[in-house]
Amino acid sequence: MKTLARITLSLAAVATIGGMLTSNAFAADSQWQKNHPRREQVNNRLKNQNKRITNEVKEGEISKAQAKQLRSNDKGIRTEERAMAAQNGGHITKQEQKTLNQQLNQNSAAIGK
């Protein structure tokens, strides 16, 4: 009887630990889900700006060096967005979105010059 109780207790402990590991893995995966509306909006802007940079280079409006700098700026914004999301369970706050959009606005204006 004692052996059965130990086995049951051990199985319960394994199930609990397994559940905790699964939920931690799920939380880590959800950090990088980009389907949260605020993250999606920022990431769509980044994607659009990359297309604009490519078009500006093709049209001869900006140099490859300028394009490299603009893409570097956008990469920094993307890195910041991911860091913010990592701190907030996969989301960014309205204020963080506003901050990122202000940075995107500055880079967007530089693309059009």
PDB file of N, CA and C in Angstrom:
ATOM      1  N   MET A   1       0.813  -1.190   0.000  1.00  0.00           N
ATOM      2  CA  MET A   1       0.000   0.000   0.000  1.00  0.00           C
ATOM      3  C   MET A   1       0.859   1.257   0.000  1.00  0.00           C
ATOM      4  N   LYS A   2       1.929   1.259   0.788  1.00  0.00           N
ATOM      5  CA  LYS A   2       2.810   2.414   0.821  1.00  0.00           C
ATOM      6  C   LYS A   2       3.452   2.640  -0.543  1.00  0.00           C
ATOM      7  N   THR A   3       3.799   1.574  -1.242  1.00  0.00           N
ATOM      8  CA  THR A   3       4.414   1.687  -2.564  1.00  0.00           C
ATOM      9  C   THR A   3       3.443   2.328  -3.545  1.00  0.00           C
ATOM     10  N   LEU A   4       2.182   1.912  -3.504  1.00  0.00           N
ATOM     11  CA  LEU A   4       1.168   2.489  -4.389  1.00  0.00           C
ATOM     12  C   LEU A   4       0.982   3.973  -4.095  1.00  0.00           C
ATOM     13  N   ALA A   5       0.999   4.352  -2.842  1.00  0.00           N
ATOM     14  CA  ALA A   5       0.862   5.758  -2.458  1.00  0.00           C
ATOM     15  C   ALA A   5       2.055   6.563  -2.966  1.00  0.00           C
ATOM     16  N   ARG A   6       3.257   6.015  -2.878  1.00  0.00           N
ATOM     17  CA  ARG A   6       4.457   6.696  -3.371  1.00  0.00           C
ATOM     18  C   ARG A   6       4.401   6.856  -4.882  1.00  0.00           C
ATOM     19  N   ILE A   7       3.967   5.812  -5.577  1.00  0.00           N
ATOM     20  CA  ILE A   7       3.860   5.878  -7.038  1.00  0.00           C
ATOM     21  C   ILE A   7       2.838   6.936  -7.433  1.00  0.00           C
ATOM     22  N   THR A   8       1.704   6.946  -6.751  1.00  0.00           N
ATOM     23  CA  THR A   8       0.664   7.932  -7.053  1.00  0.00           C
ATOM     24  C   THR A   8       1.178   9.337  -6.799  1.00  0.00           C
ATOM     25  N   LEU A   9       1.868   9.520  -5.677  1.00  0.00           N
ATOM     26  CA  LEU A   9       2.429  10.823  -5.355  1.00  0.00           C
ATOM     27  C   LEU A   9       3.486  11.216  -6.377  1.00  0.00           C
ATOM     28  N   SER A  10       4.322  10.274  -6.786  1.00  0.00           N
ATOM     29  CA  SER A  10       5.355  10.552  -7.782  1.00  0.00           C
ATOM     30  C   SER A  10       4.734  10.926  -9.116  1.00  0.00           C
ATOM     31  N   LEU A  11       3.699  10.218  -9.524  1.00  0.00           N
ATOM     32  CA  LEU A  11       3.021  10.526 -10.782  1.00  0.00           C
ATOM     33  C   LEU A  11       2.373  11.911 -10.724  1.00  0.00           C
ATOM     34  N   ALA A  12       1.800  12.238  -9.587  1.00  0.00           N
ATOM     35  CA  ALA A  12       1.192  13.562  -9.429  1.00  0.00           C
ATOM     36  C   ALA A  12       2.257  14.653  -9.523  1.00  0.00           C
ATOM     37  N   ALA A  13       3.407  14.401  -8.918  1.00  0.00           N
ATOM     38  CA  ALA A  13       4.496  15.379  -8.970  1.00  0.00           C
ATOM     39  C   ALA A  13       5.003  15.546 -10.401  1.00  0.00           C
ATOM     40  N   VAL A  14       5.165  14.441 -11.116  1.00  0.00           N
ATOM     41  CA  VAL A  14       5.609  14.495 -12.508  1.00  0.00           C
ATOM     42  C   VAL A  14       4.588  15.245 -13.357  1.00  0.00           C
ATOM     43  N   ALA A  15       3.312  14.988 -13.158  1.00  0.00           N
ATOM     44  CA  ALA A  15       2.263  15.668 -13.922  1.00  0.00           C
ATOM     45  C   ALA A  15       2.276  17.169 -13.634  1.00  0.00           C
ATOM     46  N   THR A  16       2.476  17.523 -12.380  1.00  0.00           N
ATOM     47  CA  THR A  16       2.514  18.942 -12.015  1.00  0.00           C
ATOM     48  C   THR A  16       3.712  19.631 -12.649  1.00  0.00           C
ATOM     49  N   ILE A  17       4.869  19.007 -12.547  1.00  0.00           N
ATOM     50  CA  ILE A  17       6.081  19.587 -13.143  1.00  0.00           C
ATOM     51  C   ILE A  17       5.934  19.668 -14.654  1.00  0.00           C
ATOM     52  N   GLY A  18       5.408  18.619 -15.258  1.00  0.00           N
ATOM     53  CA  GLY A  18       5.186  18.619 -16.703  1.00  0.00           C
ATOM     54  C   GLY A  18       4.250  19.739 -17.129  1.00  0.00           C
ATOM     55  N   GLY A  19       3.204  19.949 -16.351  1.00  0.00           N
ATOM     56  CA  GLY A  19       2.268  21.033 -16.649  1.00  0.00           C
ATOM     57  C   GLY A  19       2.926  22.396 -16.545  1.00  0.00           C
ATOM     58  N   MET A  20       3.777  22.546 -15.543  1.00  0.00           N
ATOM     59  CA  MET A  20       4.486  23.818 -15.372  1.00  0.00           C
ATOM     60  C   MET A  20       5.435  24.057 -16.532  1.00  0.00           C
ATOM     61  N   LEU A  21       6.149  23.038 -16.946  1.00  0.00           N
ATOM     62  CA  LEU A  21       7.072  23.184 -18.068  1.00  0.00           C
ATOM     63  C   LEU A  21       6.323  23.514 -19.350  1.00  0.00           C
ATOM     64  N   THR A  22       5.201  22.854 -19.561  1.00  0.00           N
ATOM     65  CA  THR A  22       4.400  23.112 -20.756  1.00  0.00           C
ATOM     66  C   THR A  22       3.880  24.540 -20.756  1.00  0.00           C
ATOM     67  N   SER A  23       3.386  25.007 -19.612  1.00  0.00           N
ATOM     68  CA  SER A  23       2.863  26.371 -19.567  1.00  0.00           C
ATOM     69  C   SER A  23       3.982  27.388 -19.744  1.00  0.00           C
ATOM     70  N   ASN A  24       5.188  27.102 -19.222  1.00  0.00           N
ATOM     71  CA  ASN A  24       6.320  28.009 -19.426  1.00  0.00           C
ATOM     72  C   ASN A  24       6.731  28.041 -20.888  1.00  0.00           C
ATOM     73  N   ALA A  25       6.723  26.886 -21.539  1.00  0.00           N
ATOM     74  CA  ALA A  25       7.052  26.836 -22.967  1.00  0.00           C
ATOM     75  C   ALA A  25       6.007  27.589 -23.762  1.00  0.00           C
ATOM     76  N   PHE A  26       4.738  27.435 -23.403  1.00  0.00           N
ATOM     77  CA  PHE A  26       3.669  28.144 -24.101  1.00  0.00           C
ATOM     78  C   PHE A  26       3.817  29.642 -23.910  1.00  0.00           C
ATOM     79  N   ALA A  27       4.151  30.064 -22.707  1.00  0.00           N
ATOM     80  CA  ALA A  27       4.332  31.494 -22.446  1.00  0.00           C
ATOM     81  C   ALA A  27       5.481  32.049 -23.274  1.00  0.00           C
ATOM     82  N   ALA A  28       6.573  31.283 -23.387  1.00  0.00           N
ATOM     83  CA  ALA A  28       7.702  31.739 -24.190  1.00  0.00           C
ATOM     84  C   ALA A  28       7.301  31.848 -25.655  1.00  0.00           C
ATOM     85  N   ASP A  29       6.549  30.876 -26.167  1.00  0.00           N
ATOM     86  CA  ASP A  29       6.094  30.922 -27.551  1.00  0.00           C
ATOM     87  C   ASP A  29       5.158  32.095 -27.776  1.00  0.00           C
ATOM     88  N   SER A  30       4.272  32.369 -26.830  1.00  0.00           N
ATOM     89  CA  SER A  30       3.304  33.440 -27.016  1.00  0.00           C
ATOM     90  C   SER A  30       3.968  34.803 -27.020  1.00  0.00           C
ATOM     91  N   GLN A  31       5.172  34.910 -26.432  1.00  0.00           N
ATOM     92  CA  GLN A  31       5.904  36.172 -26.455  1.00  0.00           C
ATOM     93  C   GLN A  31       6.133  36.629 -27.882  1.00  0.00           C
ATOM     94  N   TRP A  32       6.337  35.708 -28.764  1.00  0.00           N
ATOM     95  CA  TRP A  32       6.729  36.071 -30.117  1.00  0.00           C
ATOM     96  C   TRP A  32       5.583  35.963 -31.107  1.00  0.00           C
ATOM     97  N   GLN A  33       4.376  35.738 -30.611  1.00  0.00           N
ATOM     98  CA  GLN A  33       3.219  35.770 -31.491  1.00  0.00           C
ATOM     99  C   GLN A  33       2.960  37.224 -31.840  1.00  0.00           C
ATOM    100  N   LYS A  34       2.936  37.492 -33.106  1.00  0.00           N
ATOM    101  CA  LYS A  34       2.830  38.879 -33.544  1.00  0.00           C
ATOM    102  C   LYS A  34       1.401  39.265 -33.865  1.00  0.00           C
ATOM    103  N   ASN A  35       0.435  38.471 -33.425  1.00  0.00           N
ATOM    104  CA  ASN A  35      -0.948  38.749 -33.801  1.00  0.00           C
ATOM    105  C   ASN A  35      -1.662  39.688 -32.829  1.00  0.00           C
ATOM    106  N   HIS A  36      -0.980  40.177 -31.837  1.00  0.00           N
ATOM    107  CA  HIS A  36      -1.587  41.181 -30.968  1.00  0.00           C
ATOM    108  C   HIS A  36      -1.737  42.459 -31.796  1.00  0.00           C
ATOM    109  N   PRO A  37      -2.889  43.101 -31.741  1.00  0.00           N
ATOM    110  CA  PRO A  37      -3.153  44.244 -32.634  1.00  0.00           C
ATOM    111  C   PRO A  37      -2.096  45.348 -32.610  1.00  0.00           C
ATOM    112  N   ARG A  38      -1.586  45.709 -31.446  1.00  0.00           N
ATOM    113  CA  ARG A  38      -0.593  46.784 -31.392  1.00  0.00           C
ATOM    114  C   ARG A  38       0.730  46.328 -31.996  1.00  0.00           C
ATOM    115  N   ARG A  39       1.128  45.099 -31.720  1.00  0.00           N
ATOM    116  CA  ARG A  39       2.366  44.576 -32.315  1.00  0.00           C
ATOM    117  C   ARG A  39       2.202  44.429 -33.817  1.00  0.00           C
ATOM    118  N   GLU A  40       1.063  43.952 -34.225  1.00  0.00           N
ATOM    119  CA  GLU A  40       0.808  43.748 -35.652  1.00  0.00           C
ATOM    120  C   GLU A  40       0.890  45.077 -36.406  1.00  0.00           C
ATOM    121  N   GLN A  41       0.321  46.120 -35.814  1.00  0.00           N
ATOM    122  CA  GLN A  41       0.345  47.439 -36.453  1.00  0.00           C
ATOM    123  C   GLN A  41       1.787  47.925 -36.618  1.00  0.00           C
ATOM    124  N   VAL A  42       2.582  47.808 -35.577  1.00  0.00           N
ATOM    125  CA  VAL A  42       3.976  48.250 -35.646  1.00  0.00           C
ATOM    126  C   VAL A  42       4.743  47.414 -36.663  1.00  0.00           C
ATOM    127  N   ASN A  43       4.567  46.100 -36.626  1.00  0.00           N
ATOM    128  CA  ASN A  43       5.299  45.228 -37.546  1.00  0.00           C
ATOM    129  C   ASN A  43       4.865  45.430 -38.994  1.00  0.00           C
ATOM    130  N   ASN A  44       3.595  45.739 -39.224  1.00  0.00           N
ATOM    131  CA  ASN A  44       3.142  46.036 -40.586  1.00  0.00           C
ATOM    132  C   ASN A  44       3.786  47.322 -41.099  1.00  0.00           C
ATOM    133  N   ARG A  45       3.927  48.297 -40.231  1.00  0.00           N
ATOM    134  CA  ARG A  45       4.609  49.534 -40.623  1.00  0.00           C
ATOM    135  C   ARG A  45       6.064  49.265 -40.969  1.00  0.00           C
ATOM    136  N   LEU A  46       6.719  48.426 -40.181  1.00  0.00           N
ATOM    137  CA  LEU A  46       8.111  48.090 -40.478  1.00  0.00           C
ATOM    138  C   LEU A  46       8.228  47.409 -41.839  1.00  0.00           C
ATOM    139  N   LYS A  47       7.316  46.491 -42.108  1.00  0.00           N
ATOM    140  CA  LYS A  47       7.330  45.788 -43.391  1.00  0.00           C
ATOM    141  C   LYS A  47       7.085  46.770 -44.540  1.00  0.00           C
ATOM    142  N   ASN A  48       6.141  47.675 -44.374  1.00  0.00           N
ATOM    143  CA  ASN A  48       5.835  48.667 -45.394  1.00  0.00           C
ATOM    144  C   ASN A  48       7.028  49.593 -45.634  1.00  0.00           C
ATOM    145  N   GLN A  49       7.680  50.003 -44.558  1.00  0.00           N
ATOM    146  CA  GLN A  49       8.837  50.873 -44.715  1.00  0.00           C
ATOM    147  C   GLN A  49       9.962  50.169 -45.457  1.00  0.00           C
ATOM    148  N   ASN A  50      10.144  48.895 -45.211  1.00  0.00           N
ATOM    149  CA  ASN A  50      11.177  48.144 -45.928  1.00  0.00           C
ATOM    150  C   ASN A  50      10.880  48.141 -47.429  1.00  0.00           C
ATOM    151  N   LYS A  51       9.614  47.957 -47.800  1.00  0.00           N
ATOM    152  CA  LYS A  51       9.223  47.994 -49.217  1.00  0.00           C
ATOM    153  C   LYS A  51       9.481  49.374 -49.809  1.00  0.00           C
ATOM    154  N   ARG A  52       9.154  50.412 -49.055  1.00  0.00           N
ATOM    155  CA  ARG A  52       9.385  51.776 -49.527  1.00  0.00           C
ATOM    156  C   ARG A  52      10.874  52.037 -49.743  1.00  0.00           C
ATOM    157  N   ILE A  53      11.695  51.559 -48.830  1.00  0.00           N
ATOM    158  CA  ILE A  53      13.149  51.734 -48.971  1.00  0.00           C
ATOM    159  C   ILE A  53      13.624  51.050 -50.251  1.00  0.00           C
ATOM    160  N   THR A  54      13.173  49.825 -50.466  1.00  0.00           N
ATOM    161  CA  THR A  54      13.558  49.085 -51.668  1.00  0.00           C
ATOM    162  C   THR A  54      13.141  49.846 -52.923  1.00  0.00           C
ATOM    163  N   ASN A  55      11.926  50.362 -52.935  1.00  0.00           N
ATOM    164  CA  ASN A  55      11.446  51.115 -54.099  1.00  0.00           C
ATOM    165  C   ASN A  55      12.246  52.395 -54.319  1.00  0.00           C
ATOM    166  N   GLU A  56      12.579  53.085 -53.242  1.00  0.00           N
ATOM    167  CA  GLU A  56      13.344  54.330 -53.360  1.00  0.00           C
ATOM    168  C   GLU A  56      14.739  54.069 -53.945  1.00  0.00           C
ATOM    169  N   VAL A  57      15.348  52.940 -53.555  1.00  0.00           N
ATOM    170  CA  VAL A  57      16.655  52.577 -54.118  1.00  0.00           C
ATOM    171  C   VAL A  57      16.503  52.271 -55.600  1.00  0.00           C
ATOM    172  N   LYS A  58      15.491  51.491 -55.956  1.00  0.00           N
ATOM    173  CA  LYS A  58      15.259  51.137 -57.368  1.00  0.00           C
ATOM    174  C   LYS A  58      15.029  52.375 -58.229  1.00  0.00           C
ATOM    175  N   GLU A  59      14.321  53.340 -57.671  1.00  0.00           N
ATOM    176  CA  GLU A  59      14.017  54.563 -58.417  1.00  0.00           C
ATOM    177  C   GLU A  59      15.172  55.554 -58.392  1.00  0.00           C
ATOM    178  N   GLY A  60      16.224  55.257 -57.647  1.00  0.00           N
ATOM    179  CA  GLY A  60      17.376  56.145 -57.567  1.00  0.00           C
ATOM    180  C   GLY A  60      17.169  57.346 -56.661  1.00  0.00           C
ATOM    181  N   GLU A  61      16.127  57.289 -55.830  1.00  0.00           N
ATOM    182  CA  GLU A  61      15.830  58.408 -54.934  1.00  0.00           C
ATOM    183  C   GLU A  61      16.745  58.439 -53.715  1.00  0.00           C
ATOM    184  N   ILE A  62      17.190  57.263 -53.297  1.00  0.00           N
ATOM    185  CA  ILE A  62      18.153  57.190 -52.198  1.00  0.00           C
ATOM    186  C   ILE A  62      19.257  56.210 -52.580  1.00  0.00           C
ATOM    187  N   SER A  63      20.415  56.395 -51.962  1.00  0.00           N
ATOM    188  CA  SER A  63      21.548  55.513 -52.247  1.00  0.00           C
ATOM    189  C   SER A  63      21.437  54.221 -51.441  1.00  0.00           C
ATOM    190  N   LYS A  64      22.271  53.272 -51.811  1.00  0.00           N
ATOM    191  CA  LYS A  64      22.302  52.015 -51.051  1.00  0.00           C
ATOM    192  C   LYS A  64      22.787  52.252 -49.627  1.00  0.00           C
ATOM    193  N   ALA A  65      23.692  53.202 -49.475  1.00  0.00           N
ATOM    194  CA  ALA A  65      24.190  53.535 -48.129  1.00  0.00           C
ATOM    195  C   ALA A  65      23.070  54.130 -47.276  1.00  0.00           C
ATOM    196  N   GLN A  66      22.262  55.005 -47.878  1.00  0.00           N
ATOM    197  CA  GLN A  66      21.128  55.577 -47.148  1.00  0.00           C
ATOM    198  C   GLN A  66      20.129  54.482 -46.791  1.00  0.00           C
ATOM    199  N   ALA A  67      19.884  53.576 -47.733  1.00  0.00           N
ATOM    200  CA  ALA A  67      18.956  52.462 -47.483  1.00  0.00           C
ATOM    201  C   ALA A  67      19.464  51.604 -46.333  1.00  0.00           C
ATOM    202  N   LYS A  68      20.762  51.358 -46.305  1.00  0.00           N
ATOM    203  CA  LYS A  68      21.349  50.555 -45.225  1.00  0.00           C
ATOM    204  C   LYS A  68      21.119  51.220 -43.877  1.00  0.00           C
ATOM    205  N   GLN A  69      21.303  52.540 -43.813  1.00  0.00           N
ATOM    206  CA  GLN A  69      21.096  53.269 -42.559  1.00  0.00           C
ATOM    207  C   GLN A  69      19.629  53.232 -42.147  1.00  0.00           C
ATOM    208  N   LEU A  70      18.725  53.437 -43.097  1.00  0.00           N
ATOM    209  CA  LEU A  70      17.291  53.407 -42.798  1.00  0.00           C
ATOM    210  C   LEU A  70      16.861  52.031 -42.300  1.00  0.00           C
ATOM    211  N   ARG A  71      17.377  50.987 -42.940  1.00  0.00           N
ATOM    212  CA  ARG A  71      17.043  49.617 -42.507  1.00  0.00           C
ATOM    213  C   ARG A  71      17.622  49.337 -41.126  1.00  0.00           C
ATOM    214  N   SER A  72      18.788  49.880 -40.857  1.00  0.00           N
ATOM    215  CA  SER A  72      19.392  49.723 -39.530  1.00  0.00           C
ATOM    216  C   SER A  72      18.522  50.392 -38.472  1.00  0.00           C
ATOM    217  N   ASN A  73      17.996  51.578 -38.788  1.00  0.00           N
ATOM    218  CA  ASN A  73      17.089  52.261 -37.864  1.00  0.00           C
ATOM    219  C   ASN A  73      15.850  51.404 -37.601  1.00  0.00           C
ATOM    220  N   ASP A  74      15.269  50.855 -38.673  1.00  0.00           N
ATOM    221  CA  ASP A  74      14.085  50.015 -38.513  1.00  0.00           C
ATOM    222  C   ASP A  74      14.393  48.737 -37.729  1.00  0.00           C
ATOM    223  N   LYS A  75      15.585  48.190 -37.943  1.00  0.00           N
ATOM    224  CA  LYS A  75      15.982  46.992 -37.193  1.00  0.00           C
ATOM    225  C   LYS A  75      16.052  47.297 -35.699  1.00  0.00           C
ATOM    226  N   GLY A  76      16.551  48.474 -35.356  1.00  0.00           N
ATOM    227  CA  GLY A  76      16.591  48.883 -33.954  1.00  0.00           C
ATOM    228  C   GLY A  76      15.196  49.017 -33.370  1.00  0.00           C
ATOM    229  N   ILE A  77      14.272  49.552 -34.160  1.00  0.00           N
ATOM    230  CA  ILE A  77      12.886  49.684 -33.710  1.00  0.00           C
ATOM    231  C   ILE A  77      12.274  48.303 -33.506  1.00  0.00           C
ATOM    232  N   ARG A  78      12.531  47.375 -34.443  1.00  0.00           N
ATOM    233  CA  ARG A  78      12.004  46.011 -34.314  1.00  0.00           C
ATOM    234  C   ARG A  78      12.573  45.332 -33.066  1.00  0.00           C
ATOM    235  N   THR A  79      13.848  45.523 -32.810  1.00  0.00           N
ATOM    236  CA  THR A  79      14.480  44.937 -31.618  1.00  0.00           C
ATOM    237  C   THR A  79      13.845  45.499 -30.352  1.00  0.00           C
ATOM    238  N   GLU A  80      13.601  46.797 -30.358  1.00  0.00           N
ATOM    239  CA  GLU A  80      12.965  47.431 -29.202  1.00  0.00           C
ATOM    240  C   GLU A  80      11.541  46.904 -29.003  1.00  0.00           C
ATOM    241  N   GLU A  81      10.815  46.732 -30.105  1.00  0.00           N
ATOM    242  CA  GLU A  81       9.436  46.203 -30.035  1.00  0.00           C
ATOM    243  C   GLU A  81       9.434  44.804 -29.426  1.00  0.00           C
ATOM    244  N   ARG A  82      10.370  43.982 -29.842  1.00  0.00           N
ATOM    245  CA  ARG A  82      10.446  42.617 -29.311  1.00  0.00           C
ATOM    246  C   ARG A  82      10.811  42.621 -27.829  1.00  0.00           C
ATOM    247  N   ALA A  83      11.702  43.498 -27.433  1.00  0.00           N
ATOM    248  CA  ALA A  83      12.082  43.585 -26.017  1.00  0.00           C
ATOM    249  C   ALA A  83      10.894  44.041 -25.174  1.00  0.00           C
ATOM    250  N   MET A  84      10.142  45.006 -25.695  1.00  0.00           N
ATOM    251  CA  MET A  84       8.956  45.470 -24.972  1.00  0.00           C
ATOM    252  C   MET A  84       7.947  44.334 -24.823  1.00  0.00           C
ATOM    253  N   ALA A  85       7.733  43.597 -25.903  1.00  0.00           N
ATOM    254  CA  ALA A  85       6.772  42.493 -25.866  1.00  0.00           C
ATOM    255  C   ALA A  85       7.226  41.399 -24.899  1.00  0.00           C
ATOM    256  N   ALA A  86       8.510  41.164 -24.845  1.00  0.00           N
ATOM    257  CA  ALA A  86       9.031  40.133 -23.942  1.00  0.00           C
ATOM    258  C   ALA A  86       8.756  40.491 -22.486  1.00  0.00           C
ATOM    259  N   GLN A  87       8.695  41.765 -22.179  1.00  0.00           N
ATOM    260  CA  GLN A  87       8.432  42.206 -20.814  1.00  0.00           C
ATOM    261  C   GLN A  87       6.949  42.203 -20.480  1.00  0.00           C
ATOM    262  N   ASN A  88       6.102  42.126 -21.505  1.00  0.00           N
ATOM    263  CA  ASN A  88       4.656  42.253 -21.288  1.00  0.00           C
ATOM    264  C   ASN A  88       3.873  41.030 -21.736  1.00  0.00           C
ATOM    265  N   GLY A  89       4.463  39.862 -21.671  1.00  0.00           N
ATOM    266  CA  GLY A  89       3.736  38.650 -22.014  1.00  0.00           C
ATOM    267  C   GLY A  89       3.298  38.577 -23.469  1.00  0.00           C
ATOM    268  N   GLY A  90       4.089  39.157 -24.363  1.00  0.00           N
ATOM    269  CA  GLY A  90       3.788  39.075 -25.787  1.00  0.00           C
ATOM    270  C   GLY A  90       3.042  40.273 -26.335  1.00  0.00           C
ATOM    271  N   HIS A  91       2.751  41.246 -25.505  1.00  0.00           N
ATOM    272  CA  HIS A  91       2.024  42.432 -25.938  1.00  0.00           C
ATOM    273  C   HIS A  91       2.890  43.666 -25.745  1.00  0.00           C
ATOM    274  N   ILE A  92       2.495  44.750 -26.413  1.00  0.00           N
ATOM    275  CA  ILE A  92       3.080  46.050 -26.102  1.00  0.00           C
ATOM    276  C   ILE A  92       1.951  46.951 -25.635  1.00  0.00           C
ATOM    277  N   THR A  93       2.283  47.858 -24.758  1.00  0.00           N
ATOM    278  CA  THR A  93       1.277  48.766 -24.212  1.00  0.00           C
ATOM    279  C   THR A  93       0.966  49.862 -25.238  1.00  0.00           C
ATOM    280  N   LYS A  94      -0.101  50.602 -24.984  1.00  0.00           N
ATOM    281  CA  LYS A  94      -0.448  51.716 -25.871  1.00  0.00           C
ATOM    282  C   LYS A  94       0.674  52.754 -25.898  1.00  0.00           C
ATOM    283  N   GLN A  95       1.260  53.031 -24.742  1.00  0.00           N
ATOM    284  CA  GLN A  95       2.357  54.005 -24.686  1.00  0.00           C
ATOM    285  C   GLN A  95       3.572  53.501 -25.450  1.00  0.00           C
ATOM    286  N   GLU A  96       3.877  52.216 -25.338  1.00  0.00           N
ATOM    287  CA  GLU A  96       5.007  51.657 -26.085  1.00  0.00           C
ATOM    288  C   GLU A  96       4.737  51.727 -27.588  1.00  0.00           C
ATOM    289  N   GLN A  97       3.504  51.445 -27.981  1.00  0.00           N
ATOM    290  CA  GLN A  97       3.134  51.550 -29.391  1.00  0.00           C
ATOM    291  C   GLN A  97       3.317  52.993 -29.872  1.00  0.00           C
ATOM    292  N   LYS A  98       2.894  53.945 -29.066  1.00  0.00           N
ATOM    293  CA  LYS A  98       3.033  55.358 -29.418  1.00  0.00           C
ATOM    294  C   LYS A  98       4.508  55.722 -29.592  1.00  0.00           C
ATOM    295  N   THR A  99       5.337  55.268 -28.665  1.00  0.00           N
ATOM    296  CA  THR A  99       6.776  55.534 -28.737  1.00  0.00           C
ATOM    297  C   THR A  99       7.383  54.945 -30.003  1.00  0.00           C
ATOM    298  N   LEU A 100       7.035  53.688 -30.297  1.00  0.00           N
ATOM    299  CA  LEU A 100       7.556  53.036 -31.497  1.00  0.00           C
ATOM    300  C   LEU A 100       7.068  53.744 -32.758  1.00  0.00           C
ATOM    301  N   ASN A 101       5.814  54.161 -32.770  1.00  0.00           N
ATOM    302  CA  ASN A 101       5.273  54.860 -33.935  1.00  0.00           C
ATOM    303  C   ASN A 101       5.956  56.209 -34.150  1.00  0.00           C
ATOM    304  N   GLN A 102       6.321  56.888 -33.076  1.00  0.00           N
ATOM    305  CA  GLN A 102       7.053  58.146 -33.223  1.00  0.00           C
ATOM    306  C   GLN A 102       8.413  57.899 -33.880  1.00  0.00           C
ATOM    307  N   GLN A 103       9.071  56.819 -33.476  1.00  0.00           N
ATOM    308  CA  GLN A 103      10.358  56.464 -34.085  1.00  0.00           C
ATOM    309  C   GLN A 103      10.166  56.082 -35.555  1.00  0.00           C
ATOM    310  N   LEU A 104       9.099  55.325 -35.824  1.00  0.00           N
ATOM    311  CA  LEU A 104       8.803  54.941 -37.205  1.00  0.00           C
ATOM    312  C   LEU A 104       8.486  56.170 -38.054  1.00  0.00           C
ATOM    313  N   ASN A 105       7.791  57.133 -37.480  1.00  0.00           N
ATOM    314  CA  ASN A 105       7.481  58.366 -38.209  1.00  0.00           C
ATOM    315  C   ASN A 105       8.741  59.105 -38.625  1.00  0.00           C
ATOM    316  N   GLN A 106       9.710  59.167 -37.722  1.00  0.00           N
ATOM    317  CA  GLN A 106      10.979  59.835 -38.039  1.00  0.00           C
ATOM    318  C   GLN A 106      11.694  59.120 -39.180  1.00  0.00           C
ATOM    319  N   ASN A 107      11.745  57.802 -39.109  1.00  0.00           N
ATOM    320  CA  ASN A 107      12.419  57.046 -40.158  1.00  0.00           C
ATOM    321  C   ASN A 107      11.634  57.131 -41.460  1.00  0.00           C
ATOM    322  N   SER A 108      10.320  57.135 -41.381  1.00  0.00           N
ATOM    323  CA  SER A 108       9.470  57.237 -42.574  1.00  0.00           C
ATOM    324  C   SER A 108       9.721  58.555 -43.292  1.00  0.00           C
ATOM    325  N   ALA A 109       9.836  59.636 -42.537  1.00  0.00           N
ATOM    326  CA  ALA A 109      10.092  60.939 -43.133  1.00  0.00           C
ATOM    327  C   ALA A 109      11.440  60.951 -43.848  1.00  0.00           C
ATOM    328  N   ALA A 110      12.424  60.252 -43.292  1.00  0.00           N
ATOM    329  CA  ALA A 110      13.740  60.192 -43.915  1.00  0.00           C
ATOM    330  C   ALA A 110      13.714  59.381 -45.213  1.00  0.00           C
ATOM    331  N   ILE A 111      12.811  58.419 -45.315  1.00  0.00           N
ATOM    332  CA  ILE A 111      12.703  57.611 -46.536  1.00  0.00           C
ATOM    333  C   ILE A 111      12.212  58.493 -47.680  1.00  0.00           C
ATOM    334  N   GLY A 112      11.264  59.367 -47.388  1.00  0.00           N
ATOM    335  CA  GLY A 112      10.655  60.184 -48.430  1.00  0.00           C
ATOM    336  C   GLY A 112      11.482  61.370 -48.874  1.00  0.00           C
ATOM    337  N   LYS A 113      12.605  61.647 -48.245  1.00  0.00           N
ATOM    338  CA  LYS A 113      13.405  62.837 -48.584  1.00  0.00           C
ATOM    339  C   LYS A 113      14.284  62.590 -49.782  1.00  0.00           C
TER     340      LYS A 113
END
